[in-house]
Amino acid sequence: MAQHNQPPLTAAEKAKLTVLTARMCKRSLAGEHVDLNDLQRKVDRILDDAAKRAETNPR
């Protein structure tokens, strides 16, 4: 199994990711042909912002 290096997330980012994941699950219950791209872009944006923050503020 591949290891993904995720940046440290703030509590707000974790909460947003939880909500987006729940929305993605709810949509996927509607069927296989439901578009999840908009929610996936939001998840990617949150993770990208966290990675940029981790690069500029190393611990």
C-alpha atoms as a PDB file:
ATOM      1  CA  MET A   1       0.000   0.000   0.000  1.00  0.00           C
ATOM      2  CA  ALA A   2       1.389   3.405  -0.967  1.00  0.00           C
ATOM      3  CA  GLN A   3       2.050   5.988   1.685  1.00  0.00           C
ATOM      4  CA  HIS A   4       0.641   9.449   1.008  1.00  0.00           C
ATOM      5  CA  ASN A   5       2.476  12.304   2.654  1.00  0.00           C
ATOM      6  CA  GLN A   6      -0.296  14.572   3.787  1.00  0.00           C
ATOM      7  CA  PRO A   7       0.487  17.948   5.281  1.00  0.00           C
ATOM      8  CA  PRO A   8      -0.613  18.699   8.824  1.00  0.00           C
ATOM      9  CA  LEU A   9      -4.201  19.925   8.799  1.00  0.00           C
ATOM     10  CA  THR A  10      -5.861  22.458  11.044  1.00  0.00           C
ATOM     11  CA  ALA A  11      -9.064  21.609  12.889  1.00  0.00           C
ATOM     12  CA  ALA A  12     -11.067  23.721  10.441  1.00  0.00           C
ATOM     13  CA  GLU A  13      -9.544  21.926   7.457  1.00  0.00           C
ATOM     14  CA  LYS A  14     -10.311  18.541   9.004  1.00  0.00           C
ATOM     15  CA  ALA A  15     -13.906  19.603   9.586  1.00  0.00           C
ATOM     16  CA  LYS A  16     -14.272  20.845   5.997  1.00  0.00           C
ATOM     17  CA  LEU A  17     -12.820  17.605   4.635  1.00  0.00           C
ATOM     18  CA  THR A  18     -15.213  15.597   6.807  1.00  0.00           C
ATOM     19  CA  VAL A  19     -18.213  17.521   5.498  1.00  0.00           C
ATOM     20  CA  LEU A  20     -17.054  17.213   1.886  1.00  0.00           C
ATOM     21  CA  THR A  21     -16.464  13.480   2.302  1.00  0.00           C
ATOM     22  CA  ALA A  22     -19.954  13.047   3.734  1.00  0.00           C
ATOM     23  CA  ARG A  23     -21.433  14.985   0.816  1.00  0.00           C
ATOM     24  CA  MET A  24     -19.491  12.822  -1.640  1.00  0.00           C
ATOM     25  CA  CYS A  25     -20.810   9.670   0.049  1.00  0.00           C
ATOM     26  CA  LYS A  26     -24.357  10.970  -0.048  1.00  0.00           C
ATOM     27  CA  ARG A  27     -24.080  11.790  -3.735  1.00  0.00           C
ATOM     28  CA  SER A  28     -22.556   8.429  -4.568  1.00  0.00           C
ATOM     29  CA  LEU A  29     -25.621   6.741  -3.098  1.00  0.00           C
ATOM     30  CA  ALA A  30     -27.625   8.318  -5.911  1.00  0.00           C
ATOM     31  CA  GLY A  31     -25.848   6.179  -8.486  1.00  0.00           C
ATOM     32  CA  GLU A  32     -22.661   5.505 -10.376  1.00  0.00           C
ATOM     33  CA  HIS A  33     -23.075   8.315 -12.884  1.00  0.00           C
ATOM     34  CA  VAL A  34     -23.214  11.198 -10.415  1.00  0.00           C
ATOM     35  CA  ASP A  35     -20.529  13.844 -10.917  1.00  0.00           C
ATOM     36  CA  LEU A  36     -18.275  14.346  -7.877  1.00  0.00           C
ATOM     37  CA  ASN A  37     -15.687  16.541  -9.604  1.00  0.00           C
ATOM     38  CA  ASP A  38     -16.761  19.784  -7.915  1.00  0.00           C
ATOM     39  CA  LEU A  39     -16.390  18.298  -4.433  1.00  0.00           C
ATOM     40  CA  GLN A  40     -13.103  16.612  -5.339  1.00  0.00           C
ATOM     41  CA  ARG A  41     -11.716  19.972  -6.534  1.00  0.00           C
ATOM     42  CA  LYS A  42     -12.622  21.499  -3.159  1.00  0.00           C
ATOM     43  CA  VAL A  43     -10.838  18.666  -1.336  1.00  0.00           C
ATOM     44  CA  ASP A  44      -7.782  19.074  -3.564  1.00  0.00           C
ATOM     45  CA  ARG A  45      -7.752  22.832  -2.962  1.00  0.00           C
ATOM     46  CA  ILE A  46      -7.817  22.363   0.822  1.00  0.00           C
ATOM     47  CA  LEU A  47      -4.968  19.836   0.667  1.00  0.00           C
ATOM     48  CA  ASP A  48      -2.940  22.058  -1.687  1.00  0.00           C
ATOM     49  CA  ASP A  49      -3.343  25.064   0.612  1.00  0.00           C
ATOM     50  CA  ALA A  50      -2.249  22.970   3.592  1.00  0.00           C
ATOM     51  CA  ALA A  51       0.809  21.739   1.677  1.00  0.00           C
ATOM     52  CA  LYS A  52       1.777  25.302   0.731  1.00  0.00           C
ATOM     53  CA  ARG A  53       1.410  26.369   4.355  1.00  0.00           C
ATOM     54  CA  ALA A  54       3.567  23.459   5.511  1.00  0.00           C
ATOM     55  CA  GLU A  55       6.299  24.417   3.008  1.00  0.00           C
ATOM     56  CA  THR A  56       6.402  28.042   4.109  1.00  0.00           C
ATOM     57  CA  ASN A  57       6.181  27.278   7.839  1.00  0.00           C
ATOM     58  CA  PRO A  58       8.257  24.142   8.506  1.00  0.00           C
ATOM     59  CA  ARG A  59       8.190  22.908  12.081  1.00  0.00           C
END
